[in-house]
């Protein structure tokens, strides 16, 4: 339906797949708190649920210590509780897995980061555009290829969520998604900064992997990234169902869906190598430890991942590398990614050496509302998540960080799609 009020600003556009927690807190000369205050973590996690989040589950690690917690419900009808070990759609955190796979091929000499994508996929990105866009530009979002969400879910452009239901069991091919995105207006000149976040880049990265490995991208990532990292509960599901014990996935779409609707059964081909992975919070922490400690790629490739450029998303800018971005927090610079797909949001962040980590998953997304002028209103959930996030990563130094309002909004909003209100 179209609600005839005002048009939501770009800052309040829908976060359909990026779901980025835009960290804008100034880095300070402080260190992360040592040890884990389990009681404080438990209370802070409970506060997120009490603020209105249906269910949240998390794992925080400090060296060899680990704390897992969960608060709230996995099903609002039955009140089935959430558990710390639930399998969860991690959305755009998939991009880190895909980038690692591409960088493995860089190390083998089968891919050149600074070669034109047309060298590998001349039929997918034809003409001069294919010669101007490099592999690196795909991975750091400076290709300026339009995002796929608008073309794949056109009703969202006119304030209706009908596309979400129409596409629930639809299978998109990577080629189809790329074609739709290339037909849309580019967001800028290839290579220009700031870049603009686009899921299409990582669908193309999947096609690149298929070209140079001779196997399906999801199959390659599973064999050479997921299994190499020793992850037992991480996969690209073969059906619309989430494998293993899981929560439902409640989508509000900034008030367009009221009450929020469960989208836990969904064909994720619409985002495949850009966002279709399912995992647990423990597996995510293990994955980023393996990555940051050089077990999945070499130090030269890891250094490439950490070369950042400004990338616009959700009305703000990220320091984005290659499938990895920086969080500048009161206790220093951390690395990771976030993700949000319909009904599920995720954050996973690690210290540079992988010793201090936090991963958290939530089962209600785009719960925020907008005012009569189309301005996104902060939610009590946002503040509670920020407080938990900073406590988990920075310890008490983070818990004591005071801001007048959240300077980053969890799983905030992607600039890709405006909604009529």
Protein backbone atom coordinates (compact mmCIF):
# COMPACT_ATOMS: atom_id res chain seq x y z
CA UNK A 1 0.00 0.00 0.00
CA UNK A 2 1.01 3.65 -0.45
CA UNK A 3 0.57 5.78 2.62
CA UNK A 4 0.00 9.30 1.36
CA UNK A 5 2.06 11.45 3.64
CA UNK A 6 5.57 12.67 2.95
CA UNK A 7 8.47 11.01 1.17
CA UNK A 8 11.02 9.39 3.42
CA UNK A 9 14.40 11.07 3.16
CA UNK A 10 17.35 9.16 1.77
CA UNK A 11 18.69 8.79 5.28
CA UNK A 12 15.47 6.98 6.16
CA UNK A 13 15.46 4.79 3.05
CA UNK A 14 15.09 1.09 3.61
CA UNK A 15 17.93 -1.15 4.69
CA UNK A 16 17.14 -4.13 2.57
CA UNK A 17 20.39 -5.98 2.53
CA UNK A 18 23.27 -3.83 3.66
CA UNK A 19 22.02 -3.24 7.16
CA UNK A 20 25.11 -1.40 8.27
CA UNK A 21 25.83 -0.23 11.77
CA UNK A 22 27.47 3.07 10.86
CA UNK A 23 30.13 3.69 13.49
CA UNK A 24 30.83 7.38 13.94
CA UNK A 25 32.18 7.51 17.47
CA UNK A 26 35.61 9.15 17.70
CA UNK A 27 38.46 6.81 18.40
CA UNK A 28 40.10 7.56 21.72
CA UNK A 29 43.34 6.59 23.41
CA UNK A 30 41.75 3.77 25.37
CA UNK A 31 41.98 0.03 25.31
CA UNK A 32 39.27 -2.58 25.39
CA UNK A 33 38.36 -3.75 28.86
CA UNK A 34 40.09 -6.94 29.83
CA UNK A 35 37.98 -9.86 30.89
CA UNK A 36 34.23 -10.23 30.57
CA UNK A 37 31.73 -8.74 33.01
CA UNK A 38 29.15 -11.46 32.55
CA UNK A 39 26.53 -9.91 34.78
CA UNK A 40 26.79 -6.54 33.04
CA UNK A 41 26.64 -8.21 29.62
CA UNK A 42 23.56 -10.17 30.62
CA UNK A 43 21.81 -7.08 31.95
CA UNK A 44 22.71 -5.04 28.89
CA UNK A 45 21.50 -7.76 26.52
CA UNK A 46 18.23 -8.01 28.45
CA UNK A 47 17.84 -4.24 28.10
CA UNK A 48 17.77 -4.62 24.30
CA UNK A 49 14.81 -6.98 24.57
CA UNK A 50 13.13 -4.76 27.15
CA UNK A 51 13.48 -1.81 24.74
CA UNK A 52 11.34 -3.66 22.19
CA UNK A 53 13.57 -6.10 20.31
CA UNK A 54 11.76 -9.44 20.01
CA UNK A 55 14.87 -11.57 20.41
CA UNK A 56 18.64 -11.10 20.50
CA UNK A 57 21.51 -13.59 20.88
CA UNK A 58 25.21 -12.90 21.14
CA UNK A 59 28.69 -14.14 21.89
CA UNK A 60 31.46 -11.96 23.31
CA UNK A 61 35.05 -13.19 23.50
CA UNK A 62 38.16 -11.87 25.22
CA UNK A 63 41.16 -14.08 24.57
CA UNK A 64 40.25 -17.57 25.75
CA UNK A 65 37.19 -16.36 27.64
CA UNK A 66 33.76 -16.48 26.02
CA UNK A 67 30.30 -15.39 27.12
CA UNK A 68 27.10 -16.34 25.31
CA UNK A 69 23.70 -14.91 26.02
CA UNK A 70 20.19 -14.64 24.63
CA UNK A 71 17.15 -12.59 25.57
CA UNK A 72 13.60 -12.54 24.31
CA UNK A 73 11.54 -14.77 22.06
CA UNK A 74 12.14 -16.59 18.78
CA UNK A 75 8.40 -16.76 18.07
CA UNK A 76 6.02 -14.03 19.23
CA UNK A 77 3.02 -16.36 18.98
CA UNK A 78 4.35 -19.23 21.09
CA UNK A 79 6.89 -17.27 23.22
CA UNK A 80 9.52 -19.86 22.36
CA UNK A 81 12.73 -18.36 23.78
CA UNK A 82 15.79 -17.48 21.73
CA UNK A 83 19.03 -19.37 22.38
CA UNK A 84 22.66 -18.27 21.97
CA UNK A 85 23.42 -21.06 19.47
CA UNK A 86 20.62 -20.34 16.99
CA UNK A 87 21.38 -20.43 13.27
CA UNK A 88 20.82 -17.00 11.79
CA UNK A 89 20.77 -15.30 8.38
CA UNK A 90 23.84 -13.06 8.54
CA UNK A 91 23.10 -11.03 5.41
CA UNK A 92 25.94 -8.90 4.13
CA UNK A 93 28.51 -10.53 6.40
CA UNK A 94 28.48 -12.99 3.49
CA UNK A 95 30.51 -10.36 1.64
CA UNK A 96 33.53 -11.05 3.84
CA UNK A 97 33.35 -14.76 2.95
CA UNK A 98 33.12 -13.91 -0.76
CA UNK A 99 35.97 -11.40 -0.61
CA UNK A 100 38.19 -13.96 1.12
CA UNK A 101 37.45 -16.44 -1.66
CA UNK A 102 38.40 -13.89 -4.33
CA UNK A 103 41.60 -13.00 -2.48
CA UNK A 104 42.54 -16.67 -2.34
CA UNK A 105 42.41 -16.60 -6.12
CA UNK A 106 44.50 -13.42 -6.13
CA UNK A 107 47.14 -15.28 -4.12
CA UNK A 108 47.06 -18.11 -6.68
CA UNK A 109 47.54 -15.68 -9.54
CA UNK A 110 44.23 -16.45 -11.26
CA UNK A 111 42.75 -13.04 -10.40
CA UNK A 112 44.36 -9.59 -10.53
CA UNK A 113 42.69 -7.09 -8.21
CA UNK A 114 43.41 -4.20 -10.54
CA UNK A 115 42.46 -5.93 -13.79
CA UNK A 116 39.25 -4.90 -15.58
CA UNK A 117 36.31 -7.11 -14.81
CA UNK A 118 35.88 -7.49 -18.57
CA UNK A 119 39.03 -9.63 -18.56
CA UNK A 120 37.01 -12.26 -16.72
CA UNK A 121 33.35 -11.52 -17.45
CA UNK A 122 33.17 -9.74 -20.82
CA UNK A 123 29.60 -10.88 -21.41
CA UNK A 124 28.36 -9.84 -17.97
CA UNK A 125 29.76 -6.30 -17.97
CA UNK A 126 30.21 -5.50 -21.67
CA UNK A 127 31.67 -2.50 -23.42
CA UNK A 128 33.67 0.36 -21.99
CA UNK A 129 32.11 -0.07 -18.58
CA UNK A 130 33.63 -3.51 -18.25
CA UNK A 131 37.05 -2.08 -19.10
CA UNK A 132 36.73 0.71 -16.52
CA UNK A 133 35.56 -1.35 -13.56
CA UNK A 134 38.22 -3.44 -11.86
CA UNK A 135 37.92 -6.40 -9.49
CA UNK A 136 39.00 -4.14 -6.62
CA UNK A 137 36.18 -1.72 -7.44
CA UNK A 138 33.67 -4.52 -7.02
CA UNK A 139 35.04 -5.49 -3.63
CA UNK A 140 35.29 -1.95 -2.24
CA UNK A 141 32.02 -0.67 -3.75
CA UNK A 142 33.55 1.93 -6.05
CA UNK A 143 32.21 0.35 -9.25
CA UNK A 144 29.11 2.56 -9.00
CA UNK A 145 26.93 -0.20 -10.41
CA UNK A 146 23.42 0.35 -9.06
CA UNK A 147 22.18 -1.85 -6.24
CA UNK A 148 19.97 -4.79 -7.15
CA UNK A 149 17.34 -4.28 -4.44
CA UNK A 150 15.29 -1.67 -6.29
CA UNK A 151 15.07 -3.61 -9.58
CA UNK A 152 14.40 -6.91 -7.80
CA UNK A 153 11.76 -5.48 -5.45
CA UNK A 154 10.14 -2.69 -7.50
CA UNK A 155 7.09 -2.24 -5.28
CA UNK A 156 9.34 -0.81 -2.57
CA UNK A 157 9.93 2.19 -4.83
CA UNK A 158 6.25 3.11 -4.50
CA UNK A 159 5.81 2.33 -0.83
CA UNK A 160 4.39 -1.18 -1.11
CA UNK A 161 5.89 -4.39 0.29
CA UNK A 162 4.08 -6.58 -2.24
CA UNK A 163 7.40 -7.50 -3.89
CA UNK A 164 8.57 -9.16 -0.68
CA UNK A 165 5.70 -11.60 -0.84
CA UNK A 166 5.77 -12.02 -4.62
CA UNK A 167 9.46 -13.02 -4.51
CA UNK A 168 9.35 -15.26 -1.46
CA UNK A 169 9.87 -18.42 -3.52
CA UNK A 170 11.25 -16.87 -6.70
CA UNK A 171 14.67 -18.00 -7.92
CA UNK A 172 16.87 -15.25 -9.32
CA UNK A 173 20.01 -16.07 -11.27
CA UNK A 174 23.18 -14.08 -10.75
CA UNK A 175 23.11 -13.11 -14.41
CA UNK A 176 19.56 -11.80 -14.09
CA UNK A 177 20.42 -9.67 -11.06
CA UNK A 178 23.48 -8.21 -12.77
CA UNK A 179 21.54 -7.42 -15.91
CA UNK A 180 18.83 -5.57 -13.97
CA UNK A 181 21.42 -3.56 -12.07
CA UNK A 182 23.41 -2.60 -15.16
CA UNK A 183 20.20 -1.34 -16.77
CA UNK A 184 19.67 1.02 -13.84
CA UNK A 185 21.33 4.43 -13.60
CA UNK A 186 24.94 4.23 -12.32
CA UNK A 187 25.63 5.96 -9.02
CA UNK A 188 28.80 7.59 -10.31
CA UNK A 189 31.96 7.14 -12.35
CA UNK A 190 33.82 3.82 -11.90
CA UNK A 191 36.56 4.23 -9.31
CA UNK A 192 35.25 7.52 -7.93
CA UNK A 193 35.17 8.03 -4.18
CA UNK A 194 33.19 8.01 -2.11
CA UNK A 195 31.89 4.70 -3.34
CA UNK A 196 28.25 3.67 -3.00
CA UNK A 197 27.34 0.36 -1.36
CA UNK A 198 25.84 -2.09 -3.85
CA UNK A 199 25.01 -5.75 -3.39
CA UNK A 200 25.42 -6.22 -7.13
CA UNK A 201 29.19 -5.94 -6.74
CA UNK A 202 29.30 -9.15 -4.74
CA UNK A 203 26.95 -11.00 -7.06
CA UNK A 204 29.50 -10.19 -9.78
CA UNK A 205 32.26 -11.38 -7.46
CA UNK A 206 30.40 -14.69 -7.28
CA UNK A 207 30.32 -14.91 -11.06
CA UNK A 208 34.03 -14.12 -11.14
CA UNK A 209 34.72 -17.01 -8.76
CA UNK A 210 32.71 -19.35 -10.97
CA UNK A 211 34.68 -18.27 -14.03
CA UNK A 212 38.14 -18.79 -12.53
CA UNK A 213 37.44 -21.89 -10.39
CA UNK A 214 35.13 -23.77 -12.75
CA UNK A 215 32.70 -24.52 -9.91
CA UNK A 216 29.71 -22.86 -8.29
CA UNK A 217 30.68 -19.87 -6.18
CA UNK A 218 28.72 -21.09 -3.16
CA UNK A 219 30.36 -24.51 -3.50
CA UNK A 220 33.84 -22.98 -3.69
CA UNK A 221 33.26 -20.68 -0.69
CA UNK A 222 31.92 -23.62 1.31
CA UNK A 223 34.93 -25.79 0.53
CA UNK A 224 37.77 -23.27 0.67
CA UNK A 225 36.53 -20.68 3.18
CA UNK A 226 33.82 -22.11 5.46
CA UNK A 227 35.38 -25.54 5.89
CA UNK A 228 38.90 -24.17 6.00
CA UNK A 229 37.86 -21.99 8.92
CA UNK A 230 36.45 -25.06 10.68
CA UNK A 231 32.89 -23.70 10.84
CA UNK A 232 30.31 -26.38 11.67
CA UNK A 233 27.08 -24.38 11.51
CA UNK A 234 27.68 -22.07 8.55
CA UNK A 235 26.30 -22.66 5.06
CA UNK A 236 24.56 -21.42 1.95
CA UNK A 237 21.15 -23.10 2.48
CA UNK A 238 19.87 -25.10 -0.48
CA UNK A 239 16.21 -24.39 0.30
CA UNK A 240 14.23 -21.34 1.51
CA UNK A 241 14.46 -22.73 5.04
CA UNK A 242 17.08 -21.87 7.65
CA UNK A 243 18.90 -25.09 8.62
CA UNK A 244 19.02 -26.06 12.27
CA UNK A 245 17.44 -24.44 15.34
CA UNK A 246 16.52 -20.86 14.46
CA UNK A 247 14.31 -17.93 15.25
CA UNK A 248 11.60 -16.52 13.08
CA UNK A 249 12.55 -13.38 11.15
CA UNK A 250 10.27 -10.39 11.69
CA UNK A 251 10.28 -7.52 9.22
CA UNK A 252 8.62 -4.15 9.97
CA UNK A 253 9.92 -2.17 6.96
CA UNK A 254 9.86 1.10 8.90
CA UNK A 255 6.19 0.76 9.74
CA UNK A 256 4.92 -0.42 6.36
CA UNK A 257 4.35 -3.88 7.84
CA UNK A 258 2.37 -3.62 11.07
CA UNK A 259 2.49 -5.92 12.92
CA UNK A 260 5.87 -7.17 11.69
CA UNK A 261 5.72 -10.25 9.46
CA UNK A 262 7.79 -13.43 9.60
CA UNK A 263 10.07 -13.95 6.59
CA UNK A 264 12.17 -16.80 7.97
CA UNK A 265 11.16 -18.99 5.01
CA UNK A 266 12.56 -17.17 1.98
CA UNK A 267 14.42 -17.97 -1.22
CA UNK A 268 17.69 -16.11 -0.80
CA UNK A 269 18.79 -16.36 -4.43
CA UNK A 270 18.02 -12.63 -4.68
CA UNK A 271 21.23 -11.89 -2.79
CA UNK A 272 23.26 -15.17 -3.04
CA UNK A 273 27.02 -14.42 -2.72
CA UNK A 274 26.25 -10.93 -1.41
CA UNK A 275 24.15 -12.05 1.56
CA UNK A 276 22.73 -15.59 1.69
CA UNK A 277 24.96 -17.25 4.33
CA UNK A 278 23.48 -18.61 7.56
CA UNK A 279 25.68 -19.01 10.63
CA UNK A 280 25.82 -18.86 14.42
CA UNK A 281 27.38 -16.16 16.56
CA UNK A 282 30.11 -18.56 17.69
CA UNK A 283 30.92 -19.51 14.09
CA UNK A 284 31.11 -15.83 13.08
CA UNK A 285 33.61 -15.09 15.81
CA UNK A 286 35.63 -18.14 14.80
CA UNK A 287 35.56 -17.05 11.16
CA UNK A 288 36.89 -13.56 11.85
CA UNK A 289 39.57 -14.92 14.20
CA UNK A 290 40.75 -17.27 11.47
CA UNK A 291 40.74 -14.45 8.93
CA UNK A 292 42.50 -11.83 11.03
CA UNK A 293 45.14 -14.32 12.21
CA UNK A 294 46.10 -15.27 8.65
CA UNK A 295 44.62 -18.76 8.49
CA UNK A 296 42.42 -18.14 5.44
CA UNK A 297 44.56 -15.79 3.36
CA UNK A 298 48.10 -14.51 3.59
CA UNK A 299 49.22 -11.27 5.18
CA UNK A 300 49.59 -9.56 1.81
CA UNK A 301 45.97 -10.29 0.95
CA UNK A 302 44.81 -9.32 4.45
CA UNK A 303 46.58 -5.99 4.01
CA UNK A 304 44.61 -5.45 0.79
CA UNK A 305 41.37 -6.13 2.67
CA UNK A 306 42.25 -3.37 5.13
CA UNK A 307 42.92 -0.69 2.49
CA UNK A 308 39.80 1.41 2.95
CA UNK A 309 37.94 4.03 0.97
CA UNK A 310 34.88 6.03 2.01
CA UNK A 311 31.66 4.29 0.95
CA UNK A 312 28.23 5.83 1.32
CA UNK A 313 25.48 3.80 2.97
CA UNK A 314 22.52 4.75 5.12
CA UNK A 315 23.20 8.47 4.81
CA UNK A 316 26.70 8.08 6.25
CA UNK A 317 30.13 6.89 5.14
CA UNK A 318 32.04 3.75 6.04
CA UNK A 319 35.78 3.14 5.87
CA UNK A 320 35.29 0.11 3.63
CA UNK A 321 38.04 -2.24 2.53
CA UNK A 322 37.54 -5.46 0.58
CA UNK A 323 34.55 -7.15 2.20
CA UNK A 324 35.61 -5.73 5.55
CA UNK A 325 35.20 -2.35 7.15
CA UNK A 326 36.55 -0.41 10.09
CA UNK A 327 34.68 0.49 13.25
CA UNK A 328 36.33 3.44 15.02
CA UNK A 329 35.19 3.06 18.63
CA UNK A 330 36.12 4.68 21.96
CA UNK A 331 38.58 1.82 22.53
CA UNK A 332 40.23 1.90 19.12
CA UNK A 333 39.80 0.57 15.60
CA UNK A 334 38.04 -2.74 15.06
CA UNK A 335 37.19 -4.72 11.94
CA UNK A 336 34.17 -6.65 10.77
CA UNK A 337 30.91 -6.35 8.90
CA UNK A 338 27.20 -6.16 9.51
CA UNK A 339 24.20 -7.49 7.68
CA UNK A 340 20.45 -7.28 7.44
CA UNK A 341 18.04 -9.26 5.34
CA UNK A 342 14.29 -9.38 5.74
CA UNK A 343 13.71 -9.91 9.45
CA UNK A 344 17.25 -10.63 10.63
CA UNK A 345 20.10 -8.26 11.53
CA UNK A 346 23.66 -9.15 12.51
CA UNK A 347 26.87 -7.49 13.70
CA UNK A 348 30.28 -9.13 13.94
CA UNK A 349 33.31 -7.12 15.00
CA UNK A 350 36.83 -8.05 16.11
CA UNK A 351 39.98 -6.41 17.35
CA UNK A 352 42.80 -6.42 14.76
CA UNK A 353 44.32 -9.56 16.31
CA UNK A 354 40.98 -11.29 16.82
CA UNK A 355 41.35 -11.39 20.60
CA UNK A 356 38.32 -9.25 21.50
CA UNK A 357 35.14 -10.07 19.57
CA UNK A 358 31.41 -9.54 19.58
CA UNK A 359 28.78 -11.07 17.34
CA UNK A 360 25.07 -10.50 17.81
CA UNK A 361 21.93 -11.44 15.90
CA UNK A 362 18.43 -10.00 16.13
CA UNK A 363 15.09 -11.17 14.78
CA UNK A 364 13.30 -7.84 14.15
CA UNK A 365 14.53 -5.40 11.52
CA UNK A 366 13.66 -1.90 10.37
CA UNK A 367 11.62 -1.40 13.51
CA UNK A 368 12.28 2.35 13.38
CA UNK A 369 9.55 4.85 12.44
CA UNK A 370 9.56 8.16 10.59
CA UNK A 371 7.89 11.42 11.51
CA UNK A 372 5.50 13.48 9.38
CA UNK A 373 8.50 15.00 7.58
CA UNK A 374 9.94 11.64 6.65
CA UNK A 375 12.79 11.86 9.18
CA UNK A 376 13.89 8.62 10.80
CA UNK A 377 13.12 8.64 14.52
CA UNK A 378 15.61 7.06 16.92
CA UNK A 379 14.20 4.00 18.65
CA UNK A 380 14.87 2.98 22.26
CA UNK A 381 16.10 -0.27 20.70
CA UNK A 382 18.88 1.65 18.93
CA UNK A 383 20.20 3.14 22.15
CA UNK A 384 20.07 -0.20 23.96
CA UNK A 385 21.95 -1.95 21.14
CA UNK A 386 24.62 0.75 21.06
CA UNK A 387 25.13 0.42 24.81
CA UNK A 388 25.41 -3.37 24.61
CA UNK A 389 27.74 -3.17 21.60
CA UNK A 390 30.13 -0.77 23.33
CA UNK A 391 30.07 -2.71 26.59
CA UNK A 392 30.81 -5.95 24.77
CA UNK A 393 33.70 -4.58 22.75
CA UNK A 394 35.21 -1.91 24.97
CA UNK A 395 34.23 -3.18 28.41
CA UNK A 396 33.43 -0.61 31.06
CA UNK A 397 35.25 2.11 29.12
CA UNK A 398 32.64 1.62 26.41
CA UNK A 399 29.78 1.44 28.88
CA UNK A 400 30.85 4.83 30.24
CA UNK A 401 31.04 6.47 26.80
CA UNK A 402 28.36 9.16 26.80
CA UNK A 403 26.69 10.53 23.70
CA UNK A 404 23.61 12.71 23.47
CA UNK A 405 22.08 10.21 21.07
CA UNK A 406 23.27 7.10 19.25
CA UNK A 407 25.89 8.20 16.75
CA UNK A 408 25.39 5.02 14.83
CA UNK A 409 22.11 3.26 14.17
CA UNK A 410 22.18 -0.54 14.18
CA UNK A 411 21.42 -2.17 10.85
CA UNK A 412 20.55 1.29 9.81
CA UNK A 413 19.25 2.32 6.53
CA UNK A 414 20.45 1.81 3.00
CA UNK A 415 20.19 4.66 0.56
CA UNK A 416 19.07 2.37 -2.22
CA UNK A 417 15.29 2.54 -1.99
CA UNK A 418 12.98 5.38 -0.98
CA UNK A 419 9.54 4.64 0.37
CA UNK A 420 6.41 6.70 -0.11
CA UNK A 421 4.75 7.41 3.21
